Amino acid sequence: MDTRLFMIDASGFTTKREAHAVMRDVFLGYEYYGSNLDALYDVLTSIRRRAEIRVHGLDASKAQIGDYAERLRALFLDAAAHNPHLTFVFTEPSDEA
């Protein structure tokens, strides 16, 4: 079975609302996404095929969204711990050099 790839560019997050707008676009097929952490967790734990989720720039987004960036990272890791189909890869702009 092929691995589905999801790409989240968090480097431009300026608000929580914007972060969830990006996630809503990334997880477009999940209509019940409710633009909050609980809804994001529900989407992630409902994925039933292998999926790699690449999150770029989450640390860089801390300047704008503060501790919410860490809450997102914790949620991603918790979802991966509860859903064996998920793999997360975190990269930062400095990783590209």
N, C-alpha and C. Protein backbone atom coordinates (compact mmCIF):
# COMPACT_ATOMS: atom_id res chain seq x y z
N MET A 1 0.85 -1.18 0.00
CA MET A 1 0.00 0.00 0.00
C MET A 1 0.89 1.23 0.00
N ASP A 2 0.53 2.21 -0.81
CA ASP A 2 1.29 3.45 -0.90
C ASP A 2 1.10 4.29 0.35
N THR A 3 2.11 5.10 0.61
CA THR A 3 2.05 6.04 1.72
C THR A 3 1.52 7.37 1.21
N ARG A 4 0.53 7.88 1.86
CA ARG A 4 -0.02 9.19 1.51
C ARG A 4 0.84 10.26 2.15
N LEU A 5 1.15 11.31 1.41
CA LEU A 5 2.00 12.38 1.90
C LEU A 5 1.17 13.64 2.13
N PHE A 6 1.29 14.19 3.33
CA PHE A 6 0.68 15.46 3.68
C PHE A 6 1.79 16.45 3.99
N MET A 7 1.71 17.66 3.47
CA MET A 7 2.73 18.68 3.71
C MET A 7 2.08 19.86 4.43
N ILE A 8 2.65 20.22 5.59
CA ILE A 8 2.17 21.37 6.35
C ILE A 8 3.32 22.36 6.45
N ASP A 9 3.15 23.54 5.86
CA ASP A 9 4.17 24.59 5.98
C ASP A 9 3.73 25.51 7.12
N ALA A 10 4.32 25.27 8.27
CA ALA A 10 3.97 26.04 9.47
C ALA A 10 4.80 27.32 9.59
N SER A 11 5.78 27.50 8.74
CA SER A 11 6.70 28.62 8.88
C SER A 11 6.01 29.98 8.74
N GLY A 12 4.86 30.01 8.09
CA GLY A 12 4.15 31.26 7.91
C GLY A 12 2.97 31.47 8.84
N PHE A 13 2.79 30.56 9.80
CA PHE A 13 1.68 30.72 10.73
C PHE A 13 1.86 32.03 11.51
N THR A 14 0.83 32.87 11.48
CA THR A 14 0.89 34.11 12.25
C THR A 14 -0.15 34.13 13.36
N THR A 15 -1.18 33.29 13.23
CA THR A 15 -2.22 33.20 14.24
C THR A 15 -2.69 31.74 14.33
N LYS A 16 -3.36 31.42 15.42
CA LYS A 16 -3.95 30.08 15.55
C LYS A 16 -4.97 29.84 14.45
N ARG A 17 -5.75 30.86 14.15
CA ARG A 17 -6.78 30.74 13.10
C ARG A 17 -6.14 30.39 11.76
N GLU A 18 -5.04 31.06 11.45
CA GLU A 18 -4.36 30.79 10.19
C GLU A 18 -3.79 29.37 10.18
N ALA A 19 -3.24 28.94 11.31
CA ALA A 19 -2.71 27.58 11.41
C ALA A 19 -3.80 26.57 11.09
N HIS A 20 -4.97 26.77 11.64
CA HIS A 20 -6.06 25.82 11.40
C HIS A 20 -6.62 25.93 9.98
N ALA A 21 -6.55 27.11 9.39
CA ALA A 21 -6.97 27.25 7.98
C ALA A 21 -6.04 26.43 7.08
N VAL A 22 -4.75 26.47 7.38
CA VAL A 22 -3.80 25.66 6.60
C VAL A 22 -4.09 24.18 6.80
N MET A 23 -4.32 23.76 8.03
CA MET A 23 -4.60 22.34 8.30
C MET A 23 -5.89 21.90 7.60
N ARG A 24 -6.89 22.77 7.61
CA ARG A 24 -8.15 22.44 6.94
C ARG A 24 -7.89 22.19 5.46
N ASP A 25 -7.02 22.99 4.84
CA ASP A 25 -6.67 22.79 3.43
C ASP A 25 -5.88 21.50 3.22
N VAL A 26 -4.95 21.23 4.12
CA VAL A 26 -4.12 20.02 4.00
C VAL A 26 -4.97 18.76 4.14
N PHE A 27 -5.89 18.77 5.09
CA PHE A 27 -6.74 17.61 5.35
C PHE A 27 -8.13 17.82 4.75
N LEU A 28 -8.16 18.23 3.50
CA LEU A 28 -9.38 18.63 2.80
C LEU A 28 -10.47 17.57 2.79
N GLY A 29 -10.14 16.33 2.71
CA GLY A 29 -11.14 15.28 2.63
C GLY A 29 -11.85 14.97 3.94
N TYR A 30 -11.47 15.66 5.00
CA TYR A 30 -12.04 15.40 6.32
C TYR A 30 -12.96 16.57 6.69
N GLU A 31 -14.19 16.52 6.21
CA GLU A 31 -15.13 17.63 6.35
C GLU A 31 -15.43 18.01 7.79
N TYR A 32 -15.25 17.08 8.71
CA TYR A 32 -15.61 17.36 10.09
C TYR A 32 -14.52 18.12 10.84
N TYR A 33 -13.47 18.52 10.15
CA TYR A 33 -12.40 19.26 10.83
C TYR A 33 -12.95 20.57 11.35
N GLY A 34 -12.86 20.78 12.65
CA GLY A 34 -13.50 21.92 13.29
C GLY A 34 -12.61 23.05 13.72
N SER A 35 -11.40 23.13 13.17
CA SER A 35 -10.49 24.25 13.41
C SER A 35 -10.11 24.44 14.87
N ASN A 36 -9.82 23.33 15.54
CA ASN A 36 -9.28 23.40 16.90
C ASN A 36 -8.43 22.14 17.12
N LEU A 37 -7.72 22.10 18.23
CA LEU A 37 -6.81 20.99 18.47
C LEU A 37 -7.52 19.65 18.61
N ASP A 38 -8.67 19.64 19.24
CA ASP A 38 -9.44 18.39 19.38
C ASP A 38 -9.84 17.84 18.02
N ALA A 39 -10.30 18.71 17.15
CA ALA A 39 -10.72 18.28 15.81
C ALA A 39 -9.52 17.80 15.00
N LEU A 40 -8.39 18.48 15.13
CA LEU A 40 -7.17 18.04 14.43
C LEU A 40 -6.76 16.66 14.90
N TYR A 41 -6.80 16.43 16.19
CA TYR A 41 -6.47 15.11 16.75
C TYR A 41 -7.42 14.05 16.19
N ASP A 42 -8.70 14.36 16.12
CA ASP A 42 -9.67 13.42 15.58
C ASP A 42 -9.35 13.05 14.13
N VAL A 43 -8.99 14.06 13.34
CA VAL A 43 -8.63 13.80 11.94
C VAL A 43 -7.40 12.89 11.88
N LEU A 44 -6.38 13.23 12.64
CA LEU A 44 -5.14 12.47 12.58
C LEU A 44 -5.31 11.02 13.04
N THR A 45 -6.08 10.83 14.07
CA THR A 45 -6.26 9.47 14.57
C THR A 45 -7.27 8.66 13.75
N SER A 46 -7.99 9.31 12.84
CA SER A 46 -8.93 8.59 11.99
C SER A 46 -8.31 8.14 10.66
N ILE A 47 -7.10 8.57 10.36
CA ILE A 47 -6.43 8.16 9.12
C ILE A 47 -6.14 6.67 9.19
N ARG A 48 -6.60 5.92 8.19
CA ARG A 48 -6.51 4.47 8.23
C ARG A 48 -5.64 3.88 7.12
N ARG A 49 -4.72 4.66 6.61
CA ARG A 49 -3.71 4.14 5.69
C ARG A 49 -2.40 4.82 6.00
N ARG A 50 -1.31 4.22 5.58
CA ARG A 50 -0.01 4.81 5.89
C ARG A 50 0.05 6.25 5.40
N ALA A 51 0.51 7.12 6.28
CA ALA A 51 0.61 8.53 5.95
C ALA A 51 1.87 9.12 6.56
N GLU A 52 2.59 9.86 5.74
CA GLU A 52 3.73 10.64 6.23
C GLU A 52 3.29 12.09 6.22
N ILE A 53 3.45 12.73 7.36
CA ILE A 53 3.05 14.13 7.48
C ILE A 53 4.32 14.93 7.74
N ARG A 54 4.67 15.77 6.77
CA ARG A 54 5.87 16.60 6.87
C ARG A 54 5.46 17.99 7.35
N VAL A 55 6.00 18.38 8.46
CA VAL A 55 5.69 19.67 9.07
C VAL A 55 6.94 20.53 8.98
N HIS A 56 6.86 21.59 8.20
CA HIS A 56 8.01 22.45 7.98
C HIS A 56 7.84 23.77 8.73
N GLY A 57 8.86 24.15 9.49
CA GLY A 57 8.89 25.48 10.09
C GLY A 57 8.10 25.66 11.36
N LEU A 58 7.80 24.58 12.07
CA LEU A 58 7.00 24.72 13.29
C LEU A 58 7.76 25.52 14.35
N ASP A 59 9.05 25.26 14.51
CA ASP A 59 9.83 26.04 15.47
C ASP A 59 9.87 27.52 15.06
N ALA A 60 9.99 27.77 13.77
CA ALA A 60 10.03 29.15 13.28
C ALA A 60 8.72 29.89 13.57
N SER A 61 7.63 29.16 13.63
CA SER A 61 6.33 29.80 13.87
C SER A 61 6.15 30.25 15.32
N LYS A 62 7.03 29.80 16.22
CA LYS A 62 6.91 30.18 17.64
C LYS A 62 6.95 31.69 17.83
N ALA A 63 7.67 32.38 16.99
CA ALA A 63 7.76 33.84 17.12
C ALA A 63 6.39 34.49 16.97
N GLN A 64 5.50 33.86 16.21
CA GLN A 64 4.17 34.42 15.97
C GLN A 64 3.09 33.79 16.84
N ILE A 65 3.12 32.46 16.96
CA ILE A 65 2.02 31.79 17.68
C ILE A 65 2.44 31.26 19.05
N GLY A 66 3.66 31.53 19.45
CA GLY A 66 4.12 31.20 20.80
C GLY A 66 4.01 29.74 21.15
N ASP A 67 3.52 29.48 22.36
CA ASP A 67 3.43 28.11 22.88
C ASP A 67 2.48 27.22 22.08
N TYR A 68 1.63 27.82 21.26
CA TYR A 68 0.72 27.02 20.44
C TYR A 68 1.50 26.10 19.50
N ALA A 69 2.68 26.54 19.08
CA ALA A 69 3.52 25.69 18.22
C ALA A 69 3.91 24.42 18.96
N GLU A 70 4.26 24.54 20.23
CA GLU A 70 4.60 23.35 21.02
C GLU A 70 3.39 22.48 21.28
N ARG A 71 2.24 23.10 21.45
CA ARG A 71 1.01 22.32 21.62
C ARG A 71 0.70 21.52 20.36
N LEU A 72 0.94 22.13 19.19
CA LEU A 72 0.75 21.41 17.93
C LEU A 72 1.72 20.24 17.83
N ARG A 73 3.00 20.47 18.16
CA ARG A 73 3.99 19.39 18.08
C ARG A 73 3.59 18.24 19.02
N ALA A 74 3.19 18.57 20.22
CA ALA A 74 2.78 17.54 21.19
C ALA A 74 1.58 16.77 20.66
N LEU A 75 0.63 17.47 20.06
CA LEU A 75 -0.54 16.81 19.50
C LEU A 75 -0.14 15.87 18.37
N PHE A 76 0.74 16.34 17.47
CA PHE A 76 1.19 15.49 16.37
C PHE A 76 1.84 14.21 16.90
N LEU A 77 2.71 14.36 17.88
CA LEU A 77 3.41 13.19 18.43
C LEU A 77 2.45 12.26 19.17
N ASP A 78 1.49 12.82 19.87
CA ASP A 78 0.50 12.00 20.56
C ASP A 78 -0.36 11.24 19.56
N ALA A 79 -0.76 11.91 18.49
CA ALA A 79 -1.57 11.24 17.46
C ALA A 79 -0.78 10.09 16.83
N ALA A 80 0.51 10.31 16.59
CA ALA A 80 1.34 9.26 16.00
C ALA A 80 1.49 8.08 16.96
N ALA A 81 1.54 8.36 18.25
CA ALA A 81 1.64 7.29 19.24
C ALA A 81 0.37 6.45 19.30
N HIS A 82 -0.76 7.06 18.95
CA HIS A 82 -2.04 6.36 18.99
C HIS A 82 -2.51 5.83 17.64
N ASN A 83 -1.85 6.24 16.58
CA ASN A 83 -2.23 5.78 15.25
C ASN A 83 -0.98 5.24 14.54
N PRO A 84 -0.85 3.93 14.44
CA PRO A 84 0.36 3.34 13.85
C PRO A 84 0.54 3.65 12.37
N HIS A 85 -0.46 4.23 11.72
CA HIS A 85 -0.36 4.56 10.30
C HIS A 85 0.39 5.87 10.07
N LEU A 86 0.60 6.66 11.11
CA LEU A 86 1.18 8.00 10.96
C LEU A 86 2.68 8.03 11.22
N THR A 87 3.37 8.79 10.39
CA THR A 87 4.77 9.13 10.61
C THR A 87 4.88 10.64 10.41
N PHE A 88 5.52 11.31 11.36
CA PHE A 88 5.74 12.75 11.25
C PHE A 88 7.21 13.02 10.99
N VAL A 89 7.48 13.98 10.12
CA VAL A 89 8.83 14.46 9.85
C VAL A 89 8.79 15.97 10.05
N PHE A 90 9.65 16.46 10.95
CA PHE A 90 9.71 17.89 11.25
C PHE A 90 10.99 18.46 10.65
N THR A 91 10.86 19.53 9.88
CA THR A 91 12.02 20.21 9.31
C THR A 91 11.90 21.71 9.60
N GLU A 92 13.03 22.37 9.57
CA GLU A 92 13.09 23.82 9.78
C GLU A 92 13.83 24.47 8.62
N PRO A 93 13.62 25.76 8.40
CA PRO A 93 14.32 26.44 7.31
C PRO A 93 15.84 26.23 7.37
N SER A 94 16.41 26.18 8.56
CA SER A 94 17.86 25.99 8.69
C SER A 94 18.29 24.60 8.21
N ASP A 95 17.36 23.65 8.13
CA ASP A 95 17.68 22.30 7.66
C ASP A 95 17.97 22.26 6.16
N GLU A 96 17.58 23.30 5.45
CA GLU A 96 17.70 23.33 3.99
C GLU A 96 19.09 23.74 3.53
N ALA A 97 19.89 24.27 4.41
CA ALA A 97 21.22 24.76 4.02
C ALA A 97 22.18 23.62 3.78
